[in-house]
Amino acid sequence: MAKISRRRHVAKAVTWRILATTTTILLVWMVSGNWAIGAQIGVLEFFVKMALYYGHERAWYRFIHFGVQENAAA
């Protein structure tokens, strides 16, 4: 299996959370009309879902080999 660092998994989790949390804040603001509520939910969601995503990413890396190809020796 190809070697992929844990730092890569963390970087992917953080960048994804920024995008997803921004979306959540905007959606909550549009529904509630209140930026403060959107920000509060966004902050909570950021940390909870980042931890869940990291665990999910590590499980895929460790147990699911779908779509991963070994580098062939030349």
C-alpha atoms as a PDB file:
ATOM      1  CA  MET A   1       0.000   0.000   0.000  1.00  0.00           C
ATOM      2  CA  ALA A   2       1.217   3.519  -0.772  1.00  0.00           C
ATOM      3  CA  LYS A   3       2.492   5.459   2.243  1.00  0.00           C
ATOM      4  CA  ILE A   4       0.385   8.509   3.074  1.00  0.00           C
ATOM      5  CA  SER A   5       1.266  10.597   6.123  1.00  0.00           C
ATOM      6  CA  ARG A   6      -1.118  11.357   8.949  1.00  0.00           C
ATOM      7  CA  ARG A   7      -0.327  15.032   8.427  1.00  0.00           C
ATOM      8  CA  ARG A   8      -1.965  14.753   4.994  1.00  0.00           C
ATOM      9  CA  HIS A   9      -5.104  13.330   6.600  1.00  0.00           C
ATOM     10  CA  VAL A  10      -5.151  16.170   9.139  1.00  0.00           C
ATOM     11  CA  ALA A  11      -4.632  18.793   6.412  1.00  0.00           C
ATOM     12  CA  LYS A  12      -7.515  17.341   4.395  1.00  0.00           C
ATOM     13  CA  ALA A  13      -9.734  17.304   7.474  1.00  0.00           C
ATOM     14  CA  VAL A  14      -8.973  20.946   8.309  1.00  0.00           C
ATOM     15  CA  THR A  15      -9.458  22.296   4.776  1.00  0.00           C
ATOM     16  CA  TRP A  16     -12.680  20.357   4.351  1.00  0.00           C
ATOM     17  CA  ARG A  17     -13.992  21.571   7.713  1.00  0.00           C
ATOM     18  CA  ILE A  18     -13.329  25.202   6.784  1.00  0.00           C
ATOM     19  CA  LEU A  19     -15.402  24.815   3.624  1.00  0.00           C
ATOM     20  CA  ALA A  20     -18.174  22.798   5.266  1.00  0.00           C
ATOM     21  CA  THR A  21     -18.377  25.008   8.366  1.00  0.00           C
ATOM     22  CA  THR A  22     -18.623  28.142   6.246  1.00  0.00           C
ATOM     23  CA  THR A  23     -21.543  26.512   4.435  1.00  0.00           C
ATOM     24  CA  THR A  24     -23.208  25.597   7.752  1.00  0.00           C
ATOM     25  CA  ILE A  25     -22.839  29.130   9.120  1.00  0.00           C
ATOM     26  CA  LEU A  26     -24.371  30.607   5.962  1.00  0.00           C
ATOM     27  CA  LEU A  27     -27.263  28.134   5.944  1.00  0.00           C
ATOM     28  CA  VAL A  28     -28.061  28.697   9.633  1.00  0.00           C
ATOM     29  CA  TRP A  29     -27.936  32.458   9.091  1.00  0.00           C
ATOM     30  CA  MET A  30     -30.301  32.192   6.085  1.00  0.00           C
ATOM     31  CA  VAL A  31     -32.770  30.053   8.066  1.00  0.00           C
ATOM     32  CA  SER A  32     -32.555  31.915  11.387  1.00  0.00           C
ATOM     33  CA  GLY A  33     -31.601  35.407  10.237  1.00  0.00           C
ATOM     34  CA  ASN A  34     -29.073  35.506  13.087  1.00  0.00           C
ATOM     35  CA  TRP A  35     -25.309  35.513  12.458  1.00  0.00           C
ATOM     36  CA  ALA A  36     -24.521  34.749  16.115  1.00  0.00           C
ATOM     37  CA  ILE A  37     -26.500  31.510  16.051  1.00  0.00           C
ATOM     38  CA  GLY A  38     -24.801  30.534  12.782  1.00  0.00           C
ATOM     39  CA  ALA A  39     -21.363  31.206  14.271  1.00  0.00           C
ATOM     40  CA  GLN A  40     -22.109  29.276  17.471  1.00  0.00           C
ATOM     41  CA  ILE A  41     -23.326  26.229  15.577  1.00  0.00           C
ATOM     42  CA  GLY A  42     -20.440  26.563  13.128  1.00  0.00           C
ATOM     43  CA  VAL A  43     -17.794  26.542  15.872  1.00  0.00           C
ATOM     44  CA  LEU A  44     -19.284  23.483  17.548  1.00  0.00           C
ATOM     45  CA  GLU A  45     -19.736  21.706  14.239  1.00  0.00           C
ATOM     46  CA  PHE A  46     -16.160  22.497  13.162  1.00  0.00           C
ATOM     47  CA  PHE A  47     -14.527  20.550  15.979  1.00  0.00           C
ATOM     48  CA  VAL A  48     -16.994  17.664  16.198  1.00  0.00           C
ATOM     49  CA  LYS A  49     -17.064  16.949  12.488  1.00  0.00           C
ATOM     50  CA  MET A  50     -13.307  17.410  12.027  1.00  0.00           C
ATOM     51  CA  ALA A  51     -12.674  14.664  14.564  1.00  0.00           C
ATOM     52  CA  LEU A  52     -15.255  12.418  12.888  1.00  0.00           C
ATOM     53  CA  TYR A  53     -13.773  13.065   9.442  1.00  0.00           C
ATOM     54  CA  TYR A  54     -10.241  12.308  10.632  1.00  0.00           C
ATOM     55  CA  GLY A  55     -11.363   8.983  12.115  1.00  0.00           C
ATOM     56  CA  HIS A  56     -13.259   8.157   8.932  1.00  0.00           C
ATOM     57  CA  GLU A  57     -10.232   9.020   6.761  1.00  0.00           C
ATOM     58  CA  ARG A  58      -7.896   6.896   8.903  1.00  0.00           C
ATOM     59  CA  ALA A  59     -10.314   3.947   8.808  1.00  0.00           C
ATOM     60  CA  TRP A  60     -10.444   4.146   5.020  1.00  0.00           C
ATOM     61  CA  TYR A  61      -6.663   4.318   4.838  1.00  0.00           C
ATOM     62  CA  ARG A  62      -6.180   1.366   7.142  1.00  0.00           C
ATOM     63  CA  PHE A  63      -9.011  -0.995   6.210  1.00  0.00           C
ATOM     64  CA  ILE A  64     -10.357  -0.084   2.771  1.00  0.00           C
ATOM     65  CA  HIS A  65      -8.069  -0.407  -0.220  1.00  0.00           C
ATOM     66  CA  PHE A  66     -10.604   0.640  -2.837  1.00  0.00           C
ATOM     67  CA  GLY A  67      -8.991   2.812  -5.519  1.00  0.00           C
ATOM     68  CA  VAL A  68      -5.402   2.509  -4.217  1.00  0.00           C
ATOM     69  CA  GLN A  69      -2.782   1.170  -6.592  1.00  0.00           C
ATOM     70  CA  GLU A  70       0.673   0.043  -5.593  1.00  0.00           C
ATOM     71  CA  ASN A  71       3.615   1.661  -7.331  1.00  0.00           C
ATOM     72  CA  ALA A  72       5.046  -0.917  -9.708  1.00  0.00           C
ATOM     73  CA  ALA A  73       8.802  -1.416  -9.609  1.00  0.00           C
ATOM     74  CA  ALA A  74      10.449  -0.185 -12.807  1.00  0.00           C
END
